[in-house]
Amino acid sequence: MYSNQLTLAEELLLIVLDDSSGKLFPTAKPFAIDIAIAASLIMELTLNGRIDTDSEKLFVISSKPTGNQILDDVLFEIDAENTNITTSAWLTRIAQKGESLNQLIINGLVNRGILMSVEKRLLWVFKTRAYPPASGIEEREVRARVLHLINSDEIPNPRDSLIVGLLRATSLMNHLFTAASLDKLQIRIDTIVNLEEINRSLSKSVQEAWQKIIDSTPVIRIC
């Protein structure tokens, strides 16, 4: 099913990939990308008729595998849970796997030839790894599609509306537009986001989950 089609999580990751460094937006707000990826997985499962969700809860409709290992792992975890857990709690749980989850998505894009895996050295000593686009075609297409949609009067398809909703809800939209441009486009962005019920139902849960992760993370002070 997902042999060629990019998932919402993959498209979102390509959007927040910094071209110059080959890394995810380094200046994004703490855990913004993690919570956006978590929400994108929930949205994808909803679009595929595996779960349903509202502002309070989510529940499994079908446990049939999607064919995408990351989505299926999330679906299996939700299906195996015996207690009632709120949507925001699920988003928190999934987002807390952010680093490993993002790496799995990146590895999948590398395996498909969409990203490259490049080893670099930090301060000529410490090894680090970056993931620049292989051709840039997929990355440019995703960004161009989103930017064109926001700057036009076209009616979006559900997936594009959800991506815009995720970018807005986690302040990642700030990395695609200047503050002045974003202010002018705000009404259009809100219109696109509000077209999809999933955006409306998950918006509050995303904010709650994001704040919970921030509040539960110890602050490291350097004296």
N, C-alpha and C. Protein backbone atom coordinates (compact mmCIF):
# COMPACT_ATOMS: atom_id res chain seq x y z
N MET A 1 0.82 -1.22 0.00
CA MET A 1 0.00 0.00 0.00
C MET A 1 0.85 1.26 0.00
N TYR A 2 1.94 1.24 0.77
CA TYR A 2 2.78 2.42 0.90
C TYR A 2 4.11 2.27 0.16
N SER A 3 4.17 1.42 -0.86
CA SER A 3 5.42 1.18 -1.56
C SER A 3 5.98 2.44 -2.20
N ASN A 4 5.12 3.30 -2.74
CA ASN A 4 5.57 4.52 -3.40
C ASN A 4 5.04 5.78 -2.72
N GLN A 5 3.84 5.70 -2.21
CA GLN A 5 3.23 6.88 -1.59
C GLN A 5 3.91 7.24 -0.29
N LEU A 6 4.21 8.52 -0.13
CA LEU A 6 4.80 9.00 1.12
C LEU A 6 3.70 9.15 2.17
N THR A 7 4.01 8.81 3.40
CA THR A 7 3.07 9.01 4.49
C THR A 7 3.11 10.47 4.92
N LEU A 8 2.13 10.87 5.72
CA LEU A 8 2.12 12.23 6.27
C LEU A 8 3.39 12.49 7.06
N ALA A 9 3.83 11.50 7.84
CA ALA A 9 5.04 11.65 8.65
C ALA A 9 6.26 11.87 7.77
N GLU A 10 6.34 11.14 6.67
CA GLU A 10 7.49 11.28 5.77
C GLU A 10 7.47 12.65 5.08
N GLU A 11 6.30 13.08 4.64
CA GLU A 11 6.21 14.39 4.00
C GLU A 11 6.53 15.50 4.98
N LEU A 12 6.03 15.36 6.20
CA LEU A 12 6.30 16.35 7.23
C LEU A 12 7.80 16.43 7.51
N LEU A 13 8.45 15.28 7.60
CA LEU A 13 9.89 15.25 7.87
C LEU A 13 10.66 15.92 6.74
N LEU A 14 10.26 15.69 5.50
CA LEU A 14 10.93 16.33 4.37
C LEU A 14 10.78 17.85 4.41
N ILE A 15 9.63 18.31 4.88
CA ILE A 15 9.40 19.76 4.98
C ILE A 15 10.31 20.39 6.03
N VAL A 16 10.50 19.69 7.16
CA VAL A 16 11.28 20.28 8.26
C VAL A 16 12.76 19.91 8.19
N LEU A 17 13.19 19.33 7.08
CA LEU A 17 14.59 19.00 6.88
C LEU A 17 15.32 20.24 6.38
N ASP A 18 16.35 20.65 7.08
CA ASP A 18 17.12 21.83 6.71
C ASP A 18 18.04 21.50 5.54
N ASP A 19 17.90 22.22 4.44
CA ASP A 19 18.67 21.91 3.23
C ASP A 19 20.18 22.02 3.44
N SER A 20 20.60 23.06 4.15
CA SER A 20 22.04 23.31 4.28
C SER A 20 22.75 22.30 5.18
N SER A 21 22.09 21.87 6.25
CA SER A 21 22.74 20.97 7.20
C SER A 21 22.35 19.51 7.01
N GLY A 22 21.23 19.27 6.32
CA GLY A 22 20.75 17.90 6.17
C GLY A 22 20.18 17.36 7.46
N LYS A 23 19.81 18.25 8.37
CA LYS A 23 19.24 17.85 9.66
C LYS A 23 17.87 18.50 9.82
N LEU A 24 17.11 18.02 10.81
CA LEU A 24 15.80 18.61 11.06
C LEU A 24 15.98 20.00 11.62
N PHE A 25 14.99 20.87 11.37
CA PHE A 25 15.09 22.29 11.77
C PHE A 25 15.73 22.42 13.15
N PRO A 26 16.96 22.94 13.24
CA PRO A 26 17.64 23.04 14.53
C PRO A 26 17.05 24.10 15.45
N THR A 27 16.32 25.06 14.88
CA THR A 27 15.76 26.14 15.69
C THR A 27 14.28 25.94 16.02
N ALA A 28 13.75 24.77 15.69
CA ALA A 28 12.35 24.50 16.03
C ALA A 28 12.18 24.50 17.54
N LYS A 29 10.99 24.83 18.00
CA LYS A 29 10.73 24.81 19.43
C LYS A 29 10.91 23.40 19.97
N PRO A 30 11.32 23.27 21.24
CA PRO A 30 11.55 21.94 21.81
C PRO A 30 10.37 21.00 21.61
N PHE A 31 10.65 19.82 21.08
CA PHE A 31 9.68 18.73 20.89
C PHE A 31 8.60 19.03 19.85
N ALA A 32 8.72 20.15 19.14
CA ALA A 32 7.72 20.50 18.13
C ALA A 32 7.65 19.44 17.04
N ILE A 33 8.81 19.02 16.55
CA ILE A 33 8.83 18.03 15.48
C ILE A 33 8.34 16.68 15.99
N ASP A 34 8.73 16.32 17.21
CA ASP A 34 8.30 15.04 17.79
C ASP A 34 6.79 14.95 17.90
N ILE A 35 6.16 16.01 18.40
CA ILE A 35 4.72 15.98 18.58
C ILE A 35 4.01 16.05 17.22
N ALA A 36 4.60 16.75 16.25
CA ALA A 36 4.01 16.82 14.92
C ALA A 36 4.05 15.45 14.24
N ILE A 37 5.16 14.74 14.40
CA ILE A 37 5.28 13.40 13.82
C ILE A 37 4.28 12.45 14.49
N ALA A 38 4.16 12.54 15.81
CA ALA A 38 3.22 11.69 16.54
C ALA A 38 1.79 11.93 16.03
N ALA A 39 1.42 13.19 15.88
CA ALA A 39 0.08 13.53 15.41
C ALA A 39 -0.13 13.07 13.96
N SER A 40 0.94 13.14 13.16
CA SER A 40 0.81 12.72 11.76
C SER A 40 0.53 11.22 11.66
N LEU A 41 1.11 10.43 12.56
CA LEU A 41 0.86 8.99 12.56
C LEU A 41 -0.58 8.68 12.95
N ILE A 42 -1.09 9.40 13.95
CA ILE A 42 -2.48 9.24 14.35
C ILE A 42 -3.41 9.63 13.21
N MET A 43 -3.08 10.74 12.54
CA MET A 43 -3.90 11.19 11.41
C MET A 43 -3.89 10.16 10.28
N GLU A 44 -2.72 9.61 9.99
CA GLU A 44 -2.60 8.64 8.91
C GLU A 44 -3.44 7.40 9.19
N LEU A 45 -3.38 6.92 10.42
CA LEU A 45 -4.18 5.76 10.79
C LEU A 45 -5.68 6.06 10.72
N THR A 46 -6.04 7.29 11.02
CA THR A 46 -7.43 7.70 10.92
C THR A 46 -7.88 7.75 9.46
N LEU A 47 -7.05 8.33 8.60
CA LEU A 47 -7.37 8.40 7.18
C LEU A 47 -7.54 7.02 6.57
N ASN A 48 -6.77 6.06 7.10
CA ASN A 48 -6.81 4.71 6.56
C ASN A 48 -7.84 3.81 7.25
N GLY A 49 -8.72 4.41 8.05
CA GLY A 49 -9.81 3.67 8.65
C GLY A 49 -9.39 2.67 9.72
N ARG A 50 -8.22 2.90 10.33
CA ARG A 50 -7.76 1.99 11.37
C ARG A 50 -8.18 2.46 12.77
N ILE A 51 -8.24 3.77 12.98
CA ILE A 51 -8.67 4.31 14.26
C ILE A 51 -9.61 5.48 14.03
N ASP A 52 -10.32 5.85 15.07
CA ASP A 52 -11.12 7.05 15.04
C ASP A 52 -10.75 7.85 16.27
N THR A 53 -10.91 9.15 16.20
CA THR A 53 -10.46 9.99 17.30
C THR A 53 -11.34 11.22 17.45
N ASP A 54 -11.37 11.74 18.66
CA ASP A 54 -12.00 13.02 18.91
C ASP A 54 -11.11 13.75 19.91
N SER A 55 -11.60 14.82 20.48
CA SER A 55 -10.77 15.60 21.40
C SER A 55 -10.47 14.87 22.70
N GLU A 56 -11.23 13.81 22.99
CA GLU A 56 -11.07 13.12 24.27
C GLU A 56 -10.40 11.76 24.17
N LYS A 57 -10.66 11.04 23.10
CA LYS A 57 -10.16 9.65 23.06
C LYS A 57 -9.95 9.20 21.62
N LEU A 58 -9.25 8.09 21.49
CA LEU A 58 -9.14 7.44 20.20
C LEU A 58 -9.35 5.94 20.40
N PHE A 59 -9.83 5.28 19.38
CA PHE A 59 -10.13 3.87 19.51
C PHE A 59 -9.92 3.18 18.17
N VAL A 60 -9.60 1.89 18.23
CA VAL A 60 -9.30 1.12 17.04
C VAL A 60 -10.58 0.66 16.35
N ILE A 61 -10.66 0.89 15.05
CA ILE A 61 -11.79 0.41 14.24
C ILE A 61 -11.41 -0.89 13.55
N SER A 62 -10.17 -0.93 13.06
CA SER A 62 -9.67 -2.13 12.39
C SER A 62 -8.19 -2.28 12.72
N SER A 63 -7.80 -3.50 13.10
CA SER A 63 -6.39 -3.77 13.42
C SER A 63 -5.65 -4.37 12.23
N LYS A 64 -6.29 -4.35 11.05
CA LYS A 64 -5.65 -4.88 9.85
C LYS A 64 -4.40 -4.07 9.54
N PRO A 65 -3.26 -4.72 9.32
CA PRO A 65 -2.01 -4.00 9.03
C PRO A 65 -2.13 -3.11 7.80
N THR A 66 -1.42 -1.99 7.84
CA THR A 66 -1.43 -1.05 6.71
C THR A 66 -0.36 -1.40 5.68
N GLY A 67 0.64 -2.15 6.11
CA GLY A 67 1.76 -2.45 5.22
C GLY A 67 2.94 -1.54 5.48
N ASN A 68 2.77 -0.54 6.35
CA ASN A 68 3.86 0.34 6.75
C ASN A 68 4.23 -0.03 8.18
N GLN A 69 5.49 -0.42 8.41
CA GLN A 69 5.88 -0.96 9.71
C GLN A 69 5.70 0.04 10.85
N ILE A 70 6.04 1.29 10.62
CA ILE A 70 5.92 2.30 11.68
C ILE A 70 4.46 2.49 12.06
N LEU A 71 3.60 2.64 11.07
CA LEU A 71 2.17 2.79 11.34
C LEU A 71 1.61 1.56 12.03
N ASP A 72 2.04 0.39 11.58
CA ASP A 72 1.52 -0.85 12.15
C ASP A 72 1.96 -1.04 13.60
N ASP A 73 3.17 -0.59 13.91
CA ASP A 73 3.65 -0.68 15.30
C ASP A 73 2.81 0.21 16.22
N VAL A 74 2.49 1.41 15.75
CA VAL A 74 1.65 2.32 16.53
C VAL A 74 0.25 1.74 16.68
N LEU A 75 -0.29 1.22 15.58
CA LEU A 75 -1.62 0.61 15.61
C LEU A 75 -1.66 -0.56 16.58
N PHE A 76 -0.63 -1.41 16.56
CA PHE A 76 -0.58 -2.56 17.46
C PHE A 76 -0.54 -2.11 18.92
N GLU A 77 0.23 -1.07 19.20
CA GLU A 77 0.33 -0.57 20.57
C GLU A 77 -1.01 -0.03 21.06
N ILE A 78 -1.70 0.71 20.21
CA ILE A 78 -3.00 1.25 20.59
C ILE A 78 -4.01 0.12 20.80
N ASP A 79 -3.98 -0.86 19.90
CA ASP A 79 -4.93 -1.96 19.97
C ASP A 79 -4.69 -2.84 21.20
N ALA A 80 -3.42 -2.93 21.63
CA ALA A 80 -3.08 -3.80 22.76
C ALA A 80 -3.34 -3.15 24.12
N GLU A 81 -3.60 -1.84 24.13
CA GLU A 81 -3.81 -1.12 25.39
C GLU A 81 -5.20 -1.45 25.96
N ASN A 82 -5.22 -1.90 27.19
CA ASN A 82 -6.47 -2.31 27.84
C ASN A 82 -7.16 -1.20 28.62
N THR A 83 -6.43 -0.14 28.92
CA THR A 83 -7.02 0.95 29.69
C THR A 83 -7.41 2.11 28.76
N ASN A 84 -8.32 2.94 29.23
CA ASN A 84 -8.73 4.10 28.45
C ASN A 84 -7.69 5.20 28.57
N ILE A 85 -7.15 5.62 27.46
CA ILE A 85 -6.13 6.66 27.44
C ILE A 85 -6.61 7.78 26.52
N THR A 86 -6.47 9.01 26.96
CA THR A 86 -6.92 10.14 26.16
C THR A 86 -6.05 10.31 24.92
N THR A 87 -6.58 11.03 23.96
CA THR A 87 -5.84 11.29 22.73
C THR A 87 -4.54 12.02 23.02
N SER A 88 -4.59 13.01 23.89
CA SER A 88 -3.37 13.77 24.22
C SER A 88 -2.34 12.87 24.90
N ALA A 89 -2.80 11.91 25.70
CA ALA A 89 -1.87 10.98 26.35
C ALA A 89 -1.20 10.08 25.31
N TRP A 90 -1.96 9.65 24.31
CA TRP A 90 -1.37 8.85 23.24
C TRP A 90 -0.34 9.66 22.47
N LEU A 91 -0.66 10.90 22.17
CA LEU A 91 0.28 11.76 21.46
C LEU A 91 1.56 11.94 22.28
N THR A 92 1.39 12.10 23.59
CA THR A 92 2.55 12.25 24.47
C THR A 92 3.40 10.99 24.44
N ARG A 93 2.75 9.85 24.55
CA ARG A 93 3.47 8.57 24.57
C ARG A 93 4.25 8.36 23.28
N ILE A 94 3.61 8.62 22.16
CA ILE A 94 4.27 8.41 20.86
C ILE A 94 5.38 9.43 20.66
N ALA A 95 5.12 10.69 21.02
CA ALA A 95 6.12 11.74 20.83
C ALA A 95 7.36 11.52 21.69
N GLN A 96 7.22 10.85 22.81
CA GLN A 96 8.36 10.60 23.66
C GLN A 96 9.35 9.62 23.03
N LYS A 97 8.92 8.97 21.95
CA LYS A 97 9.81 8.10 21.19
C LYS A 97 10.42 8.88 20.02
N GLY A 98 10.32 10.19 20.11
CA GLY A 98 10.67 11.07 18.99
C GLY A 98 11.96 10.76 18.28
N GLU A 99 13.06 10.68 19.02
CA GLU A 99 14.36 10.50 18.39
C GLU A 99 14.44 9.19 17.61
N SER A 100 14.01 8.10 18.25
CA SER A 100 14.08 6.80 17.57
C SER A 100 13.07 6.72 16.44
N LEU A 101 11.89 7.32 16.64
CA LEU A 101 10.85 7.31 15.62
C LEU A 101 11.28 8.11 14.40
N ASN A 102 11.84 9.29 14.63
CA ASN A 102 12.33 10.11 13.52
C ASN A 102 13.41 9.38 12.74
N GLN A 103 14.28 8.67 13.47
CA GLN A 103 15.36 7.94 12.82
C GLN A 103 14.81 6.81 11.94
N LEU A 104 13.77 6.14 12.42
CA LEU A 104 13.16 5.08 11.62
C LEU A 104 12.58 5.64 10.32
N ILE A 105 11.95 6.80 10.41
CA ILE A 105 11.37 7.43 9.22
C ILE A 105 12.49 7.85 8.26
N ILE A 106 13.54 8.42 8.81
CA ILE A 106 14.69 8.83 8.00
C ILE A 106 15.31 7.62 7.31
N ASN A 107 15.49 6.53 8.07
CA ASN A 107 16.08 5.32 7.50
C ASN A 107 15.25 4.80 6.32
N GLY A 108 13.92 4.89 6.48
CA GLY A 108 13.04 4.45 5.39
C GLY A 108 13.22 5.31 4.15
N LEU A 109 13.39 6.61 4.34
CA LEU A 109 13.59 7.52 3.21
C LEU A 109 14.97 7.31 2.57
N VAL A 110 15.96 6.96 3.39
CA VAL A 110 17.29 6.63 2.86
C VAL A 110 17.22 5.36 2.03
N ASN A 111 16.53 4.35 2.56
CA ASN A 111 16.42 3.07 1.85
C ASN A 111 15.71 3.20 0.51
N ARG A 112 14.84 4.18 0.41
CA ARG A 112 14.10 4.39 -0.84
C ARG A 112 14.81 5.36 -1.77
N GLY A 113 16.00 5.84 -1.36
CA GLY A 113 16.78 6.72 -2.21
C GLY A 113 16.33 8.16 -2.21
N ILE A 114 15.45 8.53 -1.27
CA ILE A 114 14.95 9.91 -1.21
C ILE A 114 15.93 10.80 -0.44
N LEU A 115 16.55 10.24 0.61
CA LEU A 115 17.58 10.95 1.36
C LEU A 115 18.89 10.18 1.24
N MET A 116 20.00 10.89 1.46
CA MET A 116 21.31 10.27 1.54
C MET A 116 21.77 10.26 3.00
N SER A 117 22.60 9.32 3.35
CA SER A 117 23.19 9.27 4.68
C SER A 117 24.66 9.65 4.56
N VAL A 118 25.03 10.79 5.13
CA VAL A 118 26.38 11.34 4.99
C VAL A 118 27.02 11.50 6.36
N GLU A 119 28.20 10.94 6.52
CA GLU A 119 28.92 11.06 7.79
C GLU A 119 29.79 12.30 7.77
N LYS A 120 29.69 13.09 8.83
CA LYS A 120 30.51 14.30 8.97
C LYS A 120 31.25 14.24 10.30
N ARG A 121 32.19 15.16 10.46
CA ARG A 121 32.91 15.26 11.73
C ARG A 121 32.69 16.63 12.34
N LEU A 122 32.33 16.63 13.60
CA LEU A 122 32.10 17.87 14.34
C LEU A 122 33.38 18.23 15.06
N LEU A 123 33.89 19.43 14.79
CA LEU A 123 35.17 19.88 15.37
C LEU A 123 36.30 18.92 15.01
N TRP A 124 36.19 18.28 13.85
CA TRP A 124 37.18 17.36 13.31
C TRP A 124 37.39 16.11 14.18
N VAL A 125 36.57 15.91 15.18
CA VAL A 125 36.77 14.78 16.09
C VAL A 125 35.52 13.92 16.18
N PHE A 126 34.39 14.52 16.57
CA PHE A 126 33.17 13.78 16.84
C PHE A 126 32.40 13.51 15.55
N LYS A 127 32.05 12.26 15.36
CA LYS A 127 31.29 11.88 14.18
C LYS A 127 29.82 12.27 14.34
N THR A 128 29.24 12.76 13.28
CA THR A 128 27.81 13.06 13.26
C THR A 128 27.28 12.66 11.89
N ARG A 129 26.00 12.54 11.77
CA ARG A 129 25.44 12.07 10.51
C ARG A 129 24.35 13.05 10.05
N ALA A 130 24.38 13.38 8.80
CA ALA A 130 23.39 14.28 8.21
C ALA A 130 22.66 13.54 7.10
N TYR A 131 21.47 14.06 6.74
CA TYR A 131 20.64 13.37 5.75
C TYR A 131 20.14 14.36 4.69
N PRO A 132 21.04 14.78 3.80
CA PRO A 132 20.62 15.70 2.73
C PRO A 132 19.78 14.96 1.70
N PRO A 133 18.94 15.69 0.96
CA PRO A 133 18.12 15.05 -0.08
C PRO A 133 19.01 14.43 -1.15
N ALA A 134 18.60 13.29 -1.68
CA ALA A 134 19.37 12.64 -2.74
C ALA A 134 19.27 13.46 -4.03
N SER A 135 18.05 13.77 -4.45
CA SER A 135 17.86 14.58 -5.66
C SER A 135 17.16 15.89 -5.32
N GLY A 136 16.45 15.89 -4.19
CA GLY A 136 15.69 17.08 -3.79
C GLY A 136 14.31 17.15 -4.43
N ILE A 137 14.02 16.21 -5.33
CA ILE A 137 12.74 16.27 -6.06
C ILE A 137 11.56 16.13 -5.11
N GLU A 138 11.59 15.10 -4.26
CA GLU A 138 10.48 14.86 -3.34
C GLU A 138 10.33 15.99 -2.34
N GLU A 139 11.46 16.45 -1.81
CA GLU A 139 11.42 17.53 -0.82
C GLU A 139 10.85 18.80 -1.44
N ARG A 140 11.34 19.16 -2.63
CA ARG A 140 10.86 20.36 -3.29
C ARG A 140 9.38 20.24 -3.62
N GLU A 141 8.95 19.06 -4.06
CA GLU A 141 7.56 18.86 -4.43
C GLU A 141 6.64 19.04 -3.23
N VAL A 142 7.03 18.48 -2.08
CA VAL A 142 6.20 18.59 -0.88
C VAL A 142 6.11 20.04 -0.42
N ARG A 143 7.24 20.69 -0.32
CA ARG A 143 7.25 22.10 0.12
C ARG A 143 6.50 22.99 -0.86
N ALA A 144 6.78 22.78 -2.16
CA ALA A 144 6.15 23.62 -3.18
C ALA A 144 4.63 23.45 -3.15
N ARG A 145 4.18 22.23 -2.94
CA ARG A 145 2.75 21.96 -2.89
C ARG A 145 2.08 22.69 -1.73
N VAL A 146 2.73 22.63 -0.57
CA VAL A 146 2.18 23.29 0.62
C VAL A 146 2.21 24.81 0.45
N LEU A 147 3.34 25.35 -0.03
CA LEU A 147 3.46 26.79 -0.19
C LEU A 147 2.48 27.31 -1.24
N HIS A 148 2.32 26.56 -2.33
CA HIS A 148 1.36 26.97 -3.38
C HIS A 148 -0.05 26.98 -2.83
N LEU A 149 -0.38 25.96 -2.07
CA LEU A 149 -1.73 25.86 -1.50
C LEU A 149 -2.04 27.05 -0.62
N ILE A 150 -1.09 27.41 0.25
CA ILE A 150 -1.31 28.51 1.18
C ILE A 150 -1.42 29.85 0.45
N ASN A 151 -0.69 29.97 -0.66
CA ASN A 151 -0.69 31.23 -1.40
C ASN A 151 -1.73 31.27 -2.53
N SER A 152 -2.65 30.33 -2.54
CA SER A 152 -3.68 30.30 -3.59
C SER A 152 -5.06 30.16 -2.96
N ASP A 153 -6.06 30.10 -3.83
CA ASP A 153 -7.43 29.90 -3.36
C ASP A 153 -7.92 28.48 -3.64
N GLU A 154 -7.01 27.59 -3.97
CA GLU A 154 -7.38 26.22 -4.30
C GLU A 154 -7.94 25.48 -3.08
N ILE A 155 -8.86 24.57 -3.34
CA ILE A 155 -9.40 23.73 -2.28
C ILE A 155 -8.42 22.58 -2.06
N PRO A 156 -7.90 22.42 -0.85
CA PRO A 156 -6.87 21.39 -0.61
C PRO A 156 -7.47 19.99 -0.53
N ASN A 157 -6.64 18.99 -0.85
CA ASN A 157 -7.07 17.63 -0.55
C ASN A 157 -6.86 17.40 0.94
N PRO A 158 -7.48 16.38 1.52
CA PRO A 158 -7.41 16.18 2.97
C PRO A 158 -5.99 16.07 3.52
N ARG A 159 -5.10 15.39 2.81
CA ARG A 159 -3.74 15.19 3.31
C ARG A 159 -2.99 16.51 3.41
N ASP A 160 -3.13 17.37 2.40
CA ASP A 160 -2.44 18.66 2.44
C ASP A 160 -3.00 19.55 3.54
N SER A 161 -4.31 19.48 3.74
CA SER A 161 -4.92 20.24 4.82
C SER A 161 -4.37 19.79 6.18
N LEU A 162 -4.17 18.49 6.33
CA LEU A 162 -3.65 17.96 7.60
C LEU A 162 -2.20 18.38 7.82
N ILE A 163 -1.40 18.39 6.76
CA ILE A 163 -0.02 18.83 6.89
C ILE A 163 0.04 20.28 7.33
N VAL A 164 -0.78 21.12 6.71
CA VAL A 164 -0.83 22.54 7.09
C VAL A 164 -1.27 22.66 8.56
N GLY A 165 -2.23 21.84 8.97
CA GLY A 165 -2.69 21.86 10.36
C GLY A 165 -1.58 21.50 11.32
N LEU A 166 -0.78 20.50 10.98
CA LEU A 166 0.34 20.08 11.84
C LEU A 166 1.39 21.17 11.93
N LEU A 167 1.70 21.80 10.79
CA LEU A 167 2.70 22.87 10.78
C LEU A 167 2.24 24.05 11.62
N ARG A 168 0.94 24.36 11.54
CA ARG A 168 0.42 25.48 12.34
C ARG A 168 0.39 25.14 13.82
N ALA A 169 -0.11 23.96 14.16
CA ALA A 169 -0.30 23.58 15.56
C ALA A 169 1.02 23.51 16.33
N THR A 170 2.12 23.23 15.64
CA THR A 170 3.41 23.06 16.32
C THR A 170 4.39 24.20 16.01
N SER A 171 3.87 25.29 15.46
CA SER A 171 4.66 26.49 15.15
C SER A 171 5.78 26.25 14.14
N LEU A 172 5.73 25.13 13.43
CA LEU A 172 6.75 24.85 12.42
C LEU A 172 6.53 25.70 11.16
N MET A 173 5.32 26.25 11.03
CA MET A 173 5.04 27.15 9.92
C MET A 173 5.95 28.37 9.95
N ASN A 174 6.43 28.73 11.13
CA ASN A 174 7.30 29.91 11.29
C ASN A 174 8.61 29.75 10.54
N HIS A 175 8.98 28.50 10.20
CA HIS A 175 10.24 28.27 9.50
C HIS A 175 10.08 28.31 7.99
N LEU A 176 8.85 28.44 7.52
CA LEU A 176 8.59 28.49 6.08
C LEU A 176 8.26 29.89 5.59
N PHE A 177 7.84 30.77 6.51
CA PHE A 177 7.46 32.12 6.14
C PHE A 177 8.07 33.12 7.11
N THR A 178 8.27 34.33 6.64
CA THR A 178 8.66 35.40 7.54
C THR A 178 7.46 35.75 8.42
N ALA A 179 7.72 36.43 9.53
CA ALA A 179 6.64 36.81 10.44
C ALA A 179 5.61 37.68 9.72
N ALA A 180 6.09 38.58 8.88
CA ALA A 180 5.18 39.48 8.17
C ALA A 180 4.30 38.71 7.18
N SER A 181 4.91 37.79 6.44
CA SER A 181 4.15 36.98 5.48
C SER A 181 3.13 36.10 6.18
N LEU A 182 3.56 35.53 7.30
CA LEU A 182 2.69 34.63 8.05
C LEU A 182 1.47 35.37 8.58
N ASP A 183 1.68 36.60 8.98
CA ASP A 183 0.58 37.40 9.49
C ASP A 183 -0.46 37.66 8.39
N LYS A 184 0.01 37.93 7.17
CA LYS A 184 -0.89 38.18 6.05
C LYS A 184 -1.64 36.92 5.62
N LEU A 185 -1.00 35.77 5.80
CA LEU A 185 -1.57 34.51 5.33
C LEU A 185 -2.38 33.77 6.39
N GLN A 186 -2.48 34.34 7.59
CA GLN A 186 -3.08 33.63 8.70
C GLN A 186 -4.53 33.21 8.44
N ILE A 187 -5.32 34.08 7.84
CA ILE A 187 -6.72 33.76 7.57
C ILE A 187 -6.81 32.59 6.60
N ARG A 188 -5.97 32.61 5.57
CA ARG A 188 -5.96 31.52 4.59
C ARG A 188 -5.53 30.21 5.25
N ILE A 189 -4.51 30.25 6.09
CA ILE A 189 -4.04 29.05 6.79
C ILE A 189 -5.14 28.48 7.67
N ASP A 190 -5.80 29.36 8.42
CA ASP A 190 -6.90 28.91 9.30
C ASP A 190 -8.02 28.27 8.50
N THR A 191 -8.32 28.84 7.32
CA THR A 191 -9.37 28.28 6.47
C THR A 191 -9.02 26.88 6.01
N ILE A 192 -7.77 26.68 5.59
CA ILE A 192 -7.32 25.36 5.13
C ILE A 192 -7.40 24.34 6.26
N VAL A 193 -6.92 24.74 7.42
CA VAL A 193 -6.87 23.83 8.57
C VAL A 193 -8.28 23.42 8.99
N ASN A 194 -9.20 24.36 9.02
CA ASN A 194 -10.55 24.09 9.53
C ASN A 194 -11.42 23.26 8.59
N LEU A 195 -10.93 22.99 7.39
CA LEU A 195 -11.69 22.17 6.46
C LEU A 195 -11.75 20.71 6.90
N GLU A 196 -10.76 20.28 7.69
CA GLU A 196 -10.70 18.88 8.09
C GLU A 196 -11.07 18.70 9.56
N GLU A 197 -12.00 17.82 9.82
CA GLU A 197 -12.45 17.54 11.18
C GLU A 197 -11.32 17.01 12.04
N ILE A 198 -10.41 16.23 11.46
CA ILE A 198 -9.29 15.68 12.24
C ILE A 198 -8.43 16.81 12.79
N ASN A 199 -8.20 17.83 11.97
CA ASN A 199 -7.43 18.99 12.45
C ASN A 199 -8.12 19.64 13.64
N ARG A 200 -9.41 19.81 13.52
CA ARG A 200 -10.16 20.48 14.58
C ARG A 200 -10.18 19.65 15.86
N SER A 201 -10.36 18.33 15.72
CA SER A 201 -10.47 17.48 16.90
C SER A 201 -9.12 17.25 17.58
N LEU A 202 -8.03 17.29 16.80
CA LEU A 202 -6.72 17.00 17.39
C LEU A 202 -5.97 18.24 17.87
N SER A 203 -6.42 19.40 17.44
CA SER A 203 -5.70 20.64 17.76
C SER A 203 -5.46 20.81 19.26
N LYS A 204 -6.51 20.66 20.05
CA LYS A 204 -6.38 20.82 21.49
C LYS A 204 -5.50 19.73 22.09
N SER A 205 -5.64 18.51 21.61
CA SER A 205 -4.85 17.39 22.12
C SER A 205 -3.38 17.57 21.82
N VAL A 206 -3.06 18.11 20.65
CA VAL A 206 -1.67 18.38 20.29
C VAL A 206 -1.05 19.38 21.27
N GLN A 207 -1.78 20.45 21.54
CA GLN A 207 -1.27 21.46 22.47
C GLN A 207 -1.09 20.90 23.88
N GLU A 208 -2.05 20.09 24.32
CA GLU A 208 -1.96 19.50 25.66
C GLU A 208 -0.77 18.55 25.76
N ALA A 209 -0.61 17.71 24.75
CA ALA A 209 0.49 16.74 24.76
C ALA A 209 1.84 17.44 24.69
N TRP A 210 1.93 18.45 23.87
CA TRP A 210 3.18 19.20 23.72
C TRP A 210 3.57 19.84 25.05
N GLN A 211 2.61 20.49 25.70
CA GLN A 211 2.89 21.14 26.98
C GLN A 211 3.28 20.12 28.05
N LYS A 212 2.64 18.97 28.02
CA LYS A 212 2.94 17.92 29.00
C LYS A 212 4.38 17.44 28.87
N ILE A 213 4.84 17.26 27.63
CA ILE A 213 6.22 16.83 27.40
C ILE A 213 7.20 17.89 27.89
N ILE A 214 6.91 19.14 27.59
CA ILE A 214 7.78 20.23 28.03
C ILE A 214 7.84 20.29 29.55
N ASP A 215 6.67 20.19 30.19
CA ASP A 215 6.62 20.27 31.66
C ASP A 215 7.32 19.10 32.34
N SER A 216 7.33 17.95 31.70
CA SER A 216 7.91 16.76 32.32
C SER A 216 9.40 16.59 32.02
N THR A 217 9.95 17.48 31.20
CA THR A 217 11.36 17.38 30.84
C THR A 217 12.20 18.22 31.79
N PRO A 218 13.18 17.62 32.46
CA PRO A 218 14.03 18.37 33.39
C PRO A 218 14.79 19.48 32.68
N VAL A 219 14.91 20.60 33.35
CA VAL A 219 15.68 21.73 32.81
C VAL A 219 17.12 21.58 33.27
N ILE A 220 18.02 21.53 32.32
CA ILE A 220 19.44 21.40 32.64
C ILE A 220 20.08 22.79 32.66
N ARG A 221 20.56 23.17 33.81
CA ARG A 221 21.19 24.48 33.96
C ARG A 221 22.71 24.34 34.00
N ILE A 222 23.35 25.15 33.21
CA ILE A 222 24.82 25.14 33.20
C ILE A 222 25.31 26.34 34.01
N CYS A 223 25.96 26.04 35.11
CA CYS A 223 26.43 27.11 36.01
C CYS A 223 27.86 27.55 35.64
